Amino acid sequence: MVIDYIPPADIYNLLFAIILSVLFITFNTIILLLGIGFISGSSFVSQLVQDATANSIISSVGKIIGSVLIFLSIPAIIAGVGLIYRKSWSRILALIICALKLLNIPFGTALGAYGIWILMQDDTIEAFNN
């Protein structure tokens, strides 16, 4: 891997982008594991219930919630990996995810605001476009 020359002013923005990518990967890996836990846990809990109607409802709701959590976490993990490698597509994907994270109070709001602040700076835009 060839290391490109990075001007000193850009180092801080790239450092902040790497911090953002680590936060993306960590936060969304936890969400991914929660989704897997919902899917497997709902099947386990539904086996403990004696009522057939409650059994199917618990199983269905758990699988739906788990699937949604997995569906929302995978693109953010991909964006985090892309930010580490400074791919141009990852900046746009991360901005979209940051906008969606603003609705997730309180941690998602902080992560989304931090991500938008970092990814909209001119030096960061220039670093990801090269």
N, C-alpha and C. Protein backbone atom coordinates (compact mmCIF):
# COMPACT_ATOMS: atom_id res chain seq x y z
N MET A 1 0.84 -1.17 0.00
CA MET A 1 0.00 0.00 0.00
C MET A 1 0.89 1.24 0.00
N VAL A 2 0.66 2.13 -0.92
CA VAL A 2 1.43 3.35 -1.04
C VAL A 2 0.76 4.43 -0.22
N ILE A 3 1.54 5.10 0.61
CA ILE A 3 1.01 6.18 1.44
C ILE A 3 1.17 7.49 0.68
N ASP A 4 0.05 8.16 0.47
CA ASP A 4 0.06 9.44 -0.23
C ASP A 4 0.49 10.54 0.73
N TYR A 5 1.03 11.62 0.15
CA TYR A 5 1.36 12.78 0.95
C TYR A 5 0.08 13.50 1.34
N ILE A 6 -0.04 13.79 2.61
CA ILE A 6 -1.20 14.49 3.12
C ILE A 6 -0.74 15.80 3.73
N PRO A 7 -1.24 16.94 3.25
CA PRO A 7 -0.86 18.22 3.85
C PRO A 7 -1.26 18.26 5.32
N PRO A 8 -0.51 19.03 6.14
CA PRO A 8 -0.77 19.05 7.58
C PRO A 8 -2.19 19.48 7.96
N ALA A 9 -2.79 20.38 7.21
CA ALA A 9 -4.15 20.82 7.54
C ALA A 9 -5.16 19.70 7.33
N ASP A 10 -4.90 18.80 6.39
CA ASP A 10 -5.83 17.72 6.10
C ASP A 10 -5.72 16.57 7.08
N ILE A 11 -4.60 16.50 7.81
CA ILE A 11 -4.40 15.37 8.72
C ILE A 11 -5.47 15.35 9.80
N TYR A 12 -5.82 16.52 10.33
CA TYR A 12 -6.83 16.55 11.39
C TYR A 12 -8.19 16.13 10.87
N ASN A 13 -8.56 16.58 9.68
CA ASN A 13 -9.84 16.17 9.12
C ASN A 13 -9.88 14.68 8.84
N LEU A 14 -8.79 14.12 8.35
CA LEU A 14 -8.76 12.69 8.11
C LEU A 14 -8.74 11.91 9.42
N LEU A 15 -8.10 12.46 10.44
CA LEU A 15 -8.13 11.83 11.75
C LEU A 15 -9.56 11.81 12.30
N PHE A 16 -10.26 12.93 12.14
CA PHE A 16 -11.66 12.98 12.59
C PHE A 16 -12.53 12.02 11.77
N ALA A 17 -12.23 11.88 10.49
CA ALA A 17 -12.98 10.94 9.65
C ALA A 17 -12.71 9.50 10.08
N ILE A 18 -11.48 9.20 10.47
CA ILE A 18 -11.16 7.86 10.95
C ILE A 18 -11.87 7.60 12.29
N ILE A 19 -11.89 8.61 13.16
CA ILE A 19 -12.62 8.47 14.43
C ILE A 19 -14.10 8.22 14.14
N LEU A 20 -14.66 8.96 13.18
CA LEU A 20 -16.05 8.76 12.80
C LEU A 20 -16.28 7.35 12.27
N SER A 21 -15.35 6.86 11.48
CA SER A 21 -15.52 5.51 10.92
C SER A 21 -15.45 4.45 12.02
N VAL A 22 -14.58 4.62 12.99
CA VAL A 22 -14.50 3.68 14.11
C VAL A 22 -15.79 3.73 14.92
N LEU A 23 -16.33 4.93 15.12
CA LEU A 23 -17.61 5.06 15.83
C LEU A 23 -18.74 4.40 15.04
N PHE A 24 -18.75 4.60 13.73
CA PHE A 24 -19.76 3.95 12.88
C PHE A 24 -19.69 2.43 13.02
N ILE A 25 -18.49 1.89 12.88
CA ILE A 25 -18.32 0.44 12.93
C ILE A 25 -18.70 -0.10 14.30
N THR A 26 -18.24 0.56 15.37
CA THR A 26 -18.52 0.08 16.72
C THR A 26 -20.00 0.17 17.05
N PHE A 27 -20.59 1.33 16.85
CA PHE A 27 -22.00 1.56 17.18
C PHE A 27 -22.91 0.61 16.40
N ASN A 28 -22.63 0.44 15.13
CA ASN A 28 -23.51 -0.37 14.29
C ASN A 28 -23.24 -1.86 14.42
N THR A 29 -22.05 -2.24 14.86
CA THR A 29 -21.81 -3.65 15.18
C THR A 29 -22.63 -4.05 16.40
N ILE A 30 -22.74 -3.15 17.37
CA ILE A 30 -23.59 -3.41 18.54
C ILE A 30 -25.04 -3.55 18.10
N ILE A 31 -25.49 -2.68 17.21
CA ILE A 31 -26.87 -2.77 16.71
C ILE A 31 -27.07 -4.06 15.92
N LEU A 32 -26.08 -4.46 15.14
CA LEU A 32 -26.15 -5.72 14.40
C LEU A 32 -26.28 -6.90 15.35
N LEU A 33 -25.49 -6.90 16.42
CA LEU A 33 -25.57 -7.98 17.40
C LEU A 33 -26.92 -7.98 18.12
N LEU A 34 -27.47 -6.79 18.38
CA LEU A 34 -28.80 -6.71 18.98
C LEU A 34 -29.85 -7.30 18.04
N GLY A 35 -29.72 -7.03 16.75
CA GLY A 35 -30.64 -7.60 15.77
C GLY A 35 -30.58 -9.11 15.75
N ILE A 36 -29.37 -9.65 15.78
CA ILE A 36 -29.21 -11.10 15.82
C ILE A 36 -29.79 -11.64 17.12
N GLY A 37 -29.59 -10.91 18.21
CA GLY A 37 -30.15 -11.32 19.49
C GLY A 37 -31.67 -11.31 19.49
N PHE A 38 -32.27 -10.32 18.85
CA PHE A 38 -33.73 -10.29 18.76
C PHE A 38 -34.26 -11.48 17.97
N ILE A 39 -33.60 -11.79 16.86
CA ILE A 39 -34.08 -12.90 16.03
C ILE A 39 -33.96 -14.23 16.79
N SER A 40 -32.80 -14.47 17.38
CA SER A 40 -32.63 -15.74 18.09
C SER A 40 -33.36 -15.76 19.43
N GLY A 41 -33.41 -14.62 20.10
CA GLY A 41 -34.07 -14.56 21.40
C GLY A 41 -35.58 -14.68 21.31
N SER A 42 -36.15 -14.14 20.25
CA SER A 42 -37.61 -14.24 20.10
C SER A 42 -38.04 -15.69 19.88
N SER A 43 -37.24 -16.45 19.18
CA SER A 43 -37.57 -17.87 19.00
C SER A 43 -37.47 -18.61 20.32
N PHE A 44 -36.46 -18.27 21.12
CA PHE A 44 -36.29 -18.92 22.42
C PHE A 44 -37.42 -18.55 23.38
N VAL A 45 -37.77 -17.25 23.44
CA VAL A 45 -38.82 -16.80 24.34
C VAL A 45 -40.18 -17.35 23.90
N SER A 46 -40.41 -17.43 22.61
CA SER A 46 -41.70 -17.95 22.14
C SER A 46 -41.88 -19.42 22.49
N GLN A 47 -40.80 -20.16 22.66
CA GLN A 47 -40.91 -21.56 23.06
C GLN A 47 -41.32 -21.69 24.53
N LEU A 48 -41.06 -20.67 25.33
CA LEU A 48 -41.41 -20.70 26.74
C LEU A 48 -42.88 -20.38 27.00
N VAL A 49 -43.53 -19.76 26.05
CA VAL A 49 -44.93 -19.36 26.20
C VAL A 49 -45.82 -20.52 25.78
N GLN A 50 -46.86 -20.77 26.57
CA GLN A 50 -47.76 -21.90 26.30
C GLN A 50 -48.86 -21.56 25.29
N ASP A 51 -49.21 -20.28 25.18
CA ASP A 51 -50.30 -19.88 24.29
C ASP A 51 -49.79 -19.80 22.85
N ALA A 52 -50.53 -20.39 21.92
CA ALA A 52 -50.10 -20.45 20.52
C ALA A 52 -50.14 -19.07 19.85
N THR A 53 -51.16 -18.27 20.19
CA THR A 53 -51.26 -16.93 19.60
C THR A 53 -50.12 -16.05 20.07
N ALA A 54 -49.86 -16.06 21.38
CA ALA A 54 -48.76 -15.26 21.93
C ALA A 54 -47.42 -15.76 21.40
N ASN A 55 -47.31 -17.05 21.20
CA ASN A 55 -46.09 -17.64 20.66
C ASN A 55 -45.78 -17.09 19.28
N SER A 56 -46.79 -17.06 18.41
CA SER A 56 -46.56 -16.57 17.05
C SER A 56 -46.31 -15.06 17.02
N ILE A 57 -47.00 -14.31 17.88
CA ILE A 57 -46.81 -12.86 17.92
C ILE A 57 -45.41 -12.51 18.40
N ILE A 58 -44.96 -13.15 19.47
CA ILE A 58 -43.62 -12.88 20.01
C ILE A 58 -42.56 -13.24 18.97
N SER A 59 -42.71 -14.36 18.34
CA SER A 59 -41.75 -14.78 17.33
C SER A 59 -41.71 -13.83 16.14
N SER A 60 -42.89 -13.43 15.67
CA SER A 60 -42.97 -12.54 14.50
C SER A 60 -42.41 -11.15 14.80
N VAL A 61 -42.80 -10.58 15.94
CA VAL A 61 -42.33 -9.24 16.30
C VAL A 61 -40.82 -9.23 16.52
N GLY A 62 -40.31 -10.25 17.19
CA GLY A 62 -38.87 -10.34 17.41
C GLY A 62 -38.08 -10.45 16.11
N LYS A 63 -38.59 -11.23 15.19
CA LYS A 63 -37.90 -11.40 13.90
C LYS A 63 -37.98 -10.12 13.06
N ILE A 64 -39.10 -9.42 13.14
CA ILE A 64 -39.23 -8.16 12.38
C ILE A 64 -38.28 -7.11 12.95
N ILE A 65 -38.27 -6.95 14.28
CA ILE A 65 -37.38 -5.96 14.90
C ILE A 65 -35.92 -6.31 14.62
N GLY A 66 -35.57 -7.58 14.75
CA GLY A 66 -34.19 -8.00 14.48
C GLY A 66 -33.78 -7.77 13.05
N SER A 67 -34.69 -8.05 12.12
CA SER A 67 -34.39 -7.84 10.70
C SER A 67 -34.20 -6.36 10.38
N VAL A 68 -35.02 -5.51 10.97
CA VAL A 68 -34.88 -4.06 10.75
C VAL A 68 -33.55 -3.57 11.31
N LEU A 69 -33.18 -4.02 12.50
CA LEU A 69 -31.90 -3.61 13.08
C LEU A 69 -30.72 -4.06 12.22
N ILE A 70 -30.78 -5.27 11.73
CA ILE A 70 -29.70 -5.76 10.86
C ILE A 70 -29.68 -4.98 9.55
N PHE A 71 -30.86 -4.74 8.98
CA PHE A 71 -30.96 -4.01 7.72
C PHE A 71 -30.41 -2.59 7.84
N LEU A 72 -30.60 -1.94 8.99
CA LEU A 72 -30.11 -0.57 9.16
C LEU A 72 -28.64 -0.50 9.55
N SER A 73 -28.10 -1.56 10.13
CA SER A 73 -26.72 -1.48 10.60
C SER A 73 -25.69 -1.84 9.53
N ILE A 74 -26.03 -2.69 8.59
CA ILE A 74 -25.06 -3.14 7.60
C ILE A 74 -24.54 -2.00 6.71
N PRO A 75 -25.41 -1.10 6.18
CA PRO A 75 -24.86 -0.01 5.36
C PRO A 75 -23.94 0.93 6.15
N ALA A 76 -24.22 1.12 7.43
CA ALA A 76 -23.37 1.99 8.24
C ALA A 76 -22.00 1.35 8.48
N ILE A 77 -21.97 0.04 8.66
CA ILE A 77 -20.68 -0.64 8.80
C ILE A 77 -19.89 -0.55 7.50
N ILE A 78 -20.56 -0.72 6.38
CA ILE A 78 -19.90 -0.59 5.07
C ILE A 78 -19.37 0.83 4.88
N ALA A 79 -20.15 1.83 5.29
CA ALA A 79 -19.69 3.22 5.19
C ALA A 79 -18.49 3.47 6.08
N GLY A 80 -18.48 2.89 7.27
CA GLY A 80 -17.33 3.05 8.18
C GLY A 80 -16.06 2.47 7.60
N VAL A 81 -16.17 1.30 6.98
CA VAL A 81 -15.00 0.69 6.34
C VAL A 81 -14.54 1.54 5.15
N GLY A 82 -15.51 2.04 4.38
CA GLY A 82 -15.16 2.90 3.24
C GLY A 82 -14.49 4.20 3.68
N LEU A 83 -14.91 4.75 4.82
CA LEU A 83 -14.28 5.97 5.33
C LEU A 83 -12.83 5.72 5.73
N ILE A 84 -12.55 4.55 6.27
CA ILE A 84 -11.17 4.24 6.65
C ILE A 84 -10.28 4.22 5.41
N TYR A 85 -10.81 3.66 4.32
CA TYR A 85 -10.03 3.56 3.07
C TYR A 85 -10.17 4.78 2.17
N ARG A 86 -10.85 5.81 2.64
CA ARG A 86 -11.06 7.08 1.92
C ARG A 86 -11.65 6.88 0.54
N LYS A 87 -12.69 6.09 0.45
CA LYS A 87 -13.41 5.91 -0.81
C LYS A 87 -14.39 7.06 -0.99
N SER A 88 -14.51 7.55 -2.21
CA SER A 88 -15.36 8.72 -2.45
C SER A 88 -16.83 8.41 -2.20
N TRP A 89 -17.29 7.20 -2.49
CA TRP A 89 -18.69 6.84 -2.28
C TRP A 89 -19.05 6.77 -0.81
N SER A 90 -18.05 6.50 0.04
CA SER A 90 -18.34 6.32 1.46
C SER A 90 -18.74 7.62 2.14
N ARG A 91 -18.23 8.74 1.64
CA ARG A 91 -18.59 10.03 2.22
C ARG A 91 -20.07 10.32 2.01
N ILE A 92 -20.58 10.08 0.80
CA ILE A 92 -22.00 10.31 0.52
C ILE A 92 -22.87 9.35 1.32
N LEU A 93 -22.48 8.09 1.35
CA LEU A 93 -23.24 7.10 2.12
C LEU A 93 -23.24 7.45 3.61
N ALA A 94 -22.10 7.89 4.12
CA ALA A 94 -22.02 8.27 5.53
C ALA A 94 -22.86 9.51 5.83
N LEU A 95 -22.93 10.45 4.90
CA LEU A 95 -23.79 11.63 5.11
C LEU A 95 -25.26 11.23 5.17
N ILE A 96 -25.67 10.32 4.32
CA ILE A 96 -27.06 9.85 4.35
C ILE A 96 -27.34 9.14 5.67
N ILE A 97 -26.42 8.31 6.11
CA ILE A 97 -26.60 7.59 7.37
C ILE A 97 -26.58 8.55 8.55
N CYS A 98 -25.72 9.57 8.50
CA CYS A 98 -25.69 10.58 9.58
C CYS A 98 -27.02 11.32 9.67
N ALA A 99 -27.62 11.62 8.53
CA ALA A 99 -28.92 12.29 8.54
C ALA A 99 -29.98 11.40 9.17
N LEU A 100 -29.92 10.11 8.89
CA LEU A 100 -30.87 9.18 9.51
C LEU A 100 -30.58 8.98 11.00
N LYS A 101 -29.31 9.02 11.38
CA LYS A 101 -28.93 8.84 12.78
C LYS A 101 -29.39 9.99 13.66
N LEU A 102 -29.64 11.15 13.07
CA LEU A 102 -30.11 12.30 13.85
C LEU A 102 -31.42 12.00 14.57
N LEU A 103 -32.20 11.07 14.06
CA LEU A 103 -33.47 10.71 14.68
C LEU A 103 -33.31 9.75 15.85
N ASN A 104 -32.14 9.17 16.01
CA ASN A 104 -31.88 8.19 17.06
C ASN A 104 -31.31 8.91 18.29
N ILE A 105 -32.19 9.32 19.17
CA ILE A 105 -31.80 10.10 20.35
C ILE A 105 -31.29 9.16 21.42
N PRO A 106 -30.24 9.45 22.17
CA PRO A 106 -29.31 10.56 22.18
C PRO A 106 -28.01 10.26 21.43
N PHE A 107 -27.62 8.96 21.36
CA PHE A 107 -26.32 8.63 20.79
C PHE A 107 -26.28 8.84 19.28
N GLY A 108 -27.34 8.47 18.61
CA GLY A 108 -27.39 8.65 17.17
C GLY A 108 -27.38 10.11 16.78
N THR A 109 -28.04 10.96 17.59
CA THR A 109 -28.04 12.39 17.31
C THR A 109 -26.63 12.96 17.40
N ALA A 110 -25.91 12.57 18.44
CA ALA A 110 -24.53 13.05 18.59
C ALA A 110 -23.64 12.53 17.46
N LEU A 111 -23.79 11.25 17.13
CA LEU A 111 -22.99 10.67 16.05
C LEU A 111 -23.34 11.30 14.70
N GLY A 112 -24.63 11.52 14.45
CA GLY A 112 -25.05 12.13 13.20
C GLY A 112 -24.57 13.56 13.05
N ALA A 113 -24.68 14.35 14.12
CA ALA A 113 -24.22 15.74 14.06
C ALA A 113 -22.71 15.81 13.89
N TYR A 114 -21.98 14.96 14.60
CA TYR A 114 -20.52 14.92 14.46
C TYR A 114 -20.13 14.51 13.04
N GLY A 115 -20.83 13.52 12.51
CA GLY A 115 -20.52 13.05 11.16
C GLY A 115 -20.79 14.10 10.10
N ILE A 116 -21.91 14.78 10.21
CA ILE A 116 -22.22 15.84 9.24
C ILE A 116 -21.21 16.97 9.35
N TRP A 117 -20.83 17.32 10.57
CA TRP A 117 -19.85 18.39 10.77
C TRP A 117 -18.51 18.02 10.15
N ILE A 118 -18.08 16.79 10.32
CA ILE A 118 -16.78 16.36 9.77
C ILE A 118 -16.84 16.23 8.25
N LEU A 119 -17.88 15.57 7.76
CA LEU A 119 -17.92 15.23 6.34
C LEU A 119 -18.27 16.40 5.43
N MET A 120 -18.76 17.50 5.98
CA MET A 120 -19.10 18.66 5.16
C MET A 120 -18.00 19.71 5.11
N GLN A 121 -16.89 19.50 5.77
CA GLN A 121 -15.79 20.46 5.71
C GLN A 121 -15.07 20.34 4.38
N ASP A 122 -14.59 21.49 3.90
CA ASP A 122 -13.97 21.55 2.57
C ASP A 122 -12.75 20.63 2.45
N ASP A 123 -11.92 20.59 3.50
CA ASP A 123 -10.73 19.74 3.44
C ASP A 123 -11.10 18.27 3.37
N THR A 124 -12.15 17.88 4.07
CA THR A 124 -12.58 16.49 4.03
C THR A 124 -13.16 16.13 2.67
N ILE A 125 -13.94 17.04 2.11
CA ILE A 125 -14.51 16.82 0.77
C ILE A 125 -13.39 16.64 -0.24
N GLU A 126 -12.38 17.51 -0.17
CA GLU A 126 -11.25 17.43 -1.09
C GLU A 126 -10.45 16.14 -0.88
N ALA A 127 -10.26 15.72 0.36
CA ALA A 127 -9.50 14.49 0.63
C ALA A 127 -10.21 13.27 0.09
N PHE A 128 -11.55 13.24 0.17
CA PHE A 128 -12.29 12.07 -0.31
C PHE A 128 -12.50 12.12 -1.83
N ASN A 129 -12.37 13.26 -2.45
CA ASN A 129 -12.52 13.34 -3.90
C ASN A 129 -11.24 12.98 -4.64
N ASN A 130 -10.11 12.98 -3.96
CA ASN A 130 -8.83 12.64 -4.61
C ASN A 130 -8.62 11.17 -4.67
